[in-house]
Protein backbone atom coordinates (compact mmCIF):
# COMPACT_ATOMS: atom_id res chain seq x y z
CA MET A 1 183.03 87.93 146.49
CA THR A 2 182.62 91.46 145.21
CA LEU A 3 180.22 93.95 146.76
CA ARG A 4 177.17 95.79 145.52
CA VAL A 5 177.18 99.25 147.06
CA LEU A 6 174.44 101.88 147.24
CA ILE A 7 175.32 105.54 147.87
CA VAL A 8 172.54 107.59 149.45
CA ASP A 9 173.21 111.34 149.48
CA ASP A 10 171.24 114.40 148.41
CA GLN A 11 174.38 116.19 147.16
CA GLU A 12 174.81 115.22 143.53
CA LEU A 13 178.49 116.15 143.25
CA PHE A 14 179.42 114.13 146.33
CA ARG A 15 177.55 110.97 145.43
CA ASP A 16 178.72 111.02 141.82
CA ALA A 17 182.35 111.53 142.83
CA ILE A 18 182.21 108.70 145.37
CA ALA A 19 180.47 106.43 142.87
CA VAL A 20 183.19 106.97 140.28
CA MET A 21 185.97 106.28 142.78
CA LEU A 22 184.36 103.21 144.34
CA ALA A 23 183.65 101.71 140.91
CA GLN A 24 187.42 101.52 140.35
CA ASP A 25 187.93 99.25 143.37
CA PRO A 26 188.16 95.57 142.30
CA ARG A 27 186.36 94.48 145.48
CA ILE A 28 183.22 96.34 144.38
CA SER A 29 181.24 94.96 141.43
CA ASP A 30 178.36 97.42 141.28
CA VAL A 31 177.77 100.97 142.50
CA ALA A 32 174.38 102.67 142.46
CA ALA A 33 173.50 106.13 143.75
CA VAL A 34 170.22 107.69 144.88
CA ALA A 35 169.37 111.16 146.19
CA SER A 36 167.06 110.46 149.13
CA GLY A 37 166.15 108.05 151.88
CA ALA A 38 162.88 107.17 150.18
CA GLU A 39 164.73 106.30 146.98
CA ALA A 40 167.11 104.12 148.98
CA VAL A 41 164.20 102.10 150.37
CA GLU A 42 162.75 101.61 146.90
CA HIS A 43 166.15 100.67 145.52
CA VAL A 44 166.75 97.90 148.05
CA ARG A 45 163.25 96.57 147.36
CA ALA A 46 164.13 96.14 143.69
CA HIS A 47 167.87 95.38 143.76
CA THR A 48 170.36 93.36 145.77
CA VAL A 49 172.56 95.61 147.90
CA ASP A 50 175.34 94.49 150.23
CA VAL A 51 176.31 97.84 151.74
CA ALA A 52 174.54 101.20 151.82
CA LEU A 53 176.63 104.34 152.39
CA MET A 54 174.01 106.54 154.04
CA ASP A 55 174.11 110.32 154.42
CA ILE A 56 172.69 111.20 157.82
CA ARG A 57 171.12 114.58 157.01
CA MET A 58 168.80 114.65 154.01
CA PRO A 59 165.52 116.44 153.35
CA GLY A 60 162.40 114.33 153.64
CA MET A 61 163.34 110.91 154.97
CA ASP A 62 166.65 111.44 156.78
CA GLY A 63 169.38 108.87 157.26
CA ILE A 64 167.98 107.64 160.57
CA ALA A 65 164.55 106.83 159.16
CA ALA A 66 166.10 105.49 155.96
CA THR A 67 168.37 103.15 157.92
CA ARG A 68 165.40 101.82 159.85
CA GLU A 69 163.32 101.27 156.69
CA VAL A 70 166.14 99.81 154.60
CA LEU A 71 166.88 97.25 157.31
CA ARG A 72 163.20 96.47 157.73
CA VAL A 73 162.88 95.75 153.99
CA ARG A 74 166.28 94.05 153.61
CA PRO A 75 167.78 93.03 157.00
CA ALA A 76 170.91 91.65 155.32
CA VAL A 77 172.00 95.08 154.07
CA LYS A 78 174.82 96.66 156.05
CA VAL A 79 174.46 100.42 156.57
CA LEU A 80 177.49 102.66 156.94
CA VAL A 81 176.56 106.20 157.94
CA LEU A 82 178.37 109.16 156.36
CA THR A 83 178.39 112.43 158.27
CA THR A 84 180.06 115.82 158.22
CA PHE A 85 180.65 115.65 161.96
CA ASP A 86 182.76 113.17 163.93
CA LEU A 87 179.79 112.01 166.00
CA ASP A 88 176.48 113.54 167.00
CA GLU A 89 173.07 112.46 168.23
CA TYR A 90 171.94 111.70 164.67
CA VAL A 91 174.72 109.17 164.17
CA TYR A 92 174.01 107.63 167.56
CA ALA A 93 170.34 107.27 166.61
CA ALA A 94 171.27 105.64 163.29
CA ILE A 95 173.49 103.14 165.10
CA ARG A 96 170.60 102.36 167.44
CA GLU A 97 168.50 101.68 164.34
CA GLY A 98 171.03 99.09 163.19
CA ALA A 99 173.78 100.93 161.28
CA SER A 100 177.10 99.09 161.45
CA GLY A 101 179.17 102.22 162.00
CA PHE A 102 180.10 105.50 160.42
CA LEU A 103 182.77 107.55 158.71
CA THR A 104 183.09 111.25 158.16
CA LYS A 105 182.64 112.56 154.64
CA ASP A 106 186.25 113.62 154.38
CA ALA A 107 187.33 109.96 154.42
CA SER A 108 189.26 108.87 151.34
CA ALA A 109 187.73 106.62 148.69
CA ALA A 110 190.09 103.86 149.83
CA ALA A 111 188.87 104.24 153.42
CA LEU A 112 185.25 104.08 152.26
CA ALA A 113 185.95 100.96 150.22
CA ASP A 114 187.79 99.33 153.13
CA ALA A 115 184.91 100.21 155.44
CA ALA A 116 182.35 98.74 153.04
CA VAL A 117 184.30 95.50 152.87
CA ALA A 118 184.61 95.42 156.66
CA VAL A 119 180.92 95.89 157.41
CA ALA A 120 179.97 93.40 154.69
CA ALA A 121 182.13 90.88 156.57
CA GLY A 122 180.20 91.56 159.78
CA GLU A 123 182.61 93.98 161.39
CA SER A 124 181.78 97.45 162.65
CA VAL A 125 183.46 100.68 161.64
CA LEU A 126 184.01 103.79 163.74
CA SER A 127 186.03 106.82 162.82
CA PRO A 128 188.87 107.80 165.19
CA ARG A 129 187.79 108.98 168.66
CA ALA A 130 184.28 107.68 168.01
CA THR A 131 184.12 105.13 170.80
CA ALA A 132 184.63 107.76 173.50
CA ALA A 133 182.14 110.08 171.84
CA LEU A 134 179.60 107.30 171.44
CA ILE A 135 179.88 106.51 175.13
CA GLY A 136 179.06 110.14 175.90
CA PHE A 137 175.61 109.77 174.41
CA VAL A 138 174.64 107.00 176.81
CA ARG A 139 176.37 108.25 179.96
CA ASP A 140 173.22 109.92 181.34
CA GLY A 141 171.03 106.84 181.14
CA SER A 142 170.39 104.82 184.28
CA PRO A 143 171.24 101.13 183.85
CA PRO A 144 167.99 99.11 183.87
CA ARG A 145 169.73 96.29 185.75
CA THR A 146 172.97 95.63 187.55
CA ALA A 147 176.17 94.88 185.69
CA GLU A 148 176.23 91.43 187.30
CA GLU A 149 172.79 90.65 185.91
CA ALA A 150 173.74 91.92 182.47
CA LEU A 151 176.92 89.82 182.41
CA ALA A 152 175.35 86.65 183.79
CA VAL A 153 174.53 85.34 180.34
CA LEU A 154 178.25 85.26 179.45
CA SER A 155 180.98 82.89 180.60
CA PRO A 156 183.83 84.42 182.64
CA ARG A 157 186.10 84.56 179.58
CA GLU A 158 183.31 86.04 177.45
CA GLN A 159 182.80 88.70 180.11
CA GLU A 160 186.45 89.69 179.77
CA VAL A 161 186.08 89.87 176.00
CA ALA A 162 182.88 91.92 176.28
CA ARG A 163 184.54 94.43 178.58
CA ALA A 164 187.42 94.78 176.14
CA LEU A 165 185.06 95.19 173.20
CA ALA A 166 183.29 97.98 175.06
CA THR A 167 186.51 99.99 175.10
CA GLY A 168 186.84 99.70 171.32
CA ALA A 169 189.63 97.12 171.44
CA SER A 170 190.40 95.22 168.23
CA ASN A 171 190.73 91.43 168.10
CA GLU A 172 194.51 91.87 168.08
CA ASP A 173 194.32 94.07 171.19
CA ILE A 174 192.11 91.58 173.01
CA ALA A 175 194.37 88.67 172.08
CA ARG A 176 197.34 90.51 173.51
CA GLN A 177 195.50 91.60 176.69
CA LEU A 178 194.07 88.16 177.46
CA PHE A 179 196.98 86.05 176.13
CA LEU A 180 194.79 84.33 173.55
CA SER A 181 195.12 83.60 169.85
CA GLU A 182 193.19 85.86 167.48
CA ASN A 183 191.17 82.86 166.26
CA THR A 184 190.11 82.15 169.85
CA VAL A 185 189.17 85.81 170.29
CA LYS A 186 187.06 85.68 167.12
CA THR A 187 185.20 82.68 168.53
CA HIS A 188 184.54 84.49 171.81
CA VAL A 189 183.44 87.68 170.01
CA LYS A 190 180.94 85.70 167.94
CA ALA A 191 179.58 84.08 171.11
CA VAL A 192 179.31 87.44 172.91
CA LEU A 193 177.35 89.00 170.03
CA ALA A 194 175.00 86.02 169.86
CA LYS A 195 174.35 85.84 173.61
CA LEU A 196 173.81 89.58 173.96
CA GLY A 197 171.57 89.66 170.89
CA VAL A 198 173.48 92.54 169.30
CA PRO A 199 174.53 92.74 165.62
CA ASP A 200 178.10 94.00 165.94
CA ARG A 201 180.86 95.46 168.11
CA VAL A 202 179.42 98.99 168.05
CA HIS A 203 176.33 97.74 169.82
CA VAL A 204 178.43 96.00 172.47
CA VAL A 205 179.69 99.49 173.44
CA ILE A 206 176.11 100.73 173.79
CA TRP A 207 175.05 97.59 175.68
CA ALA A 208 177.95 97.85 178.12
CA TYR A 209 177.29 101.45 179.11
CA GLU A 210 173.52 101.17 179.16
CA ASN A 211 173.84 98.25 181.57
CA GLY A 212 176.54 99.72 183.78
CA VAL A 213 179.13 97.12 182.76
CA LEU A 214 181.56 99.95 182.09
CA ARG A 215 181.10 103.56 183.04
CA PRO A 216 182.49 106.57 181.19
CA LEU A 217 184.87 108.90 182.94
CA PRO A 218 183.14 112.02 184.38
């Protein structure tokens, strides 16, 4: 399957350059580009989009509001946030609204294409060092319940997988840590996401720290 990608960015040079480069990737069948969050919402109303590459800071409807509205109109769309900074409160807010991850704008076209394919497949994408930074934005919140209560919905093995996911571990890492096959890990990851009611691995990180399952270093 090839992907239909929407680029949402108010900088004409940037969005046009990315559109040209992504259109050359054989995994991408269609690339559209719009200049604002409002246009993105209208575009997904009228057209099928698999992945939206969303600028976080735009005049009018910013990337946070646009992510929320795009996913309200078309819940199947995967949103990948593009930002100038490695991670800030705007990106965190967009992830809370349902974005599947983010990359910085200096990422290569190949990295953007790989990320689009990954989120379309249900994975999450974080730029390097992002997991630790993401944790920092939830470290001041008081867990609404105990870690034991939060974990009770998971089996003992799923709890181990959830804790590993919260550190940003890949399936390969988890398989090695827990002496499991990667296929078994994939099965456990799917069960963890379903039982926690979260869309992807990024939100497992948020869930874990908001519920005191793991705590960031001081």
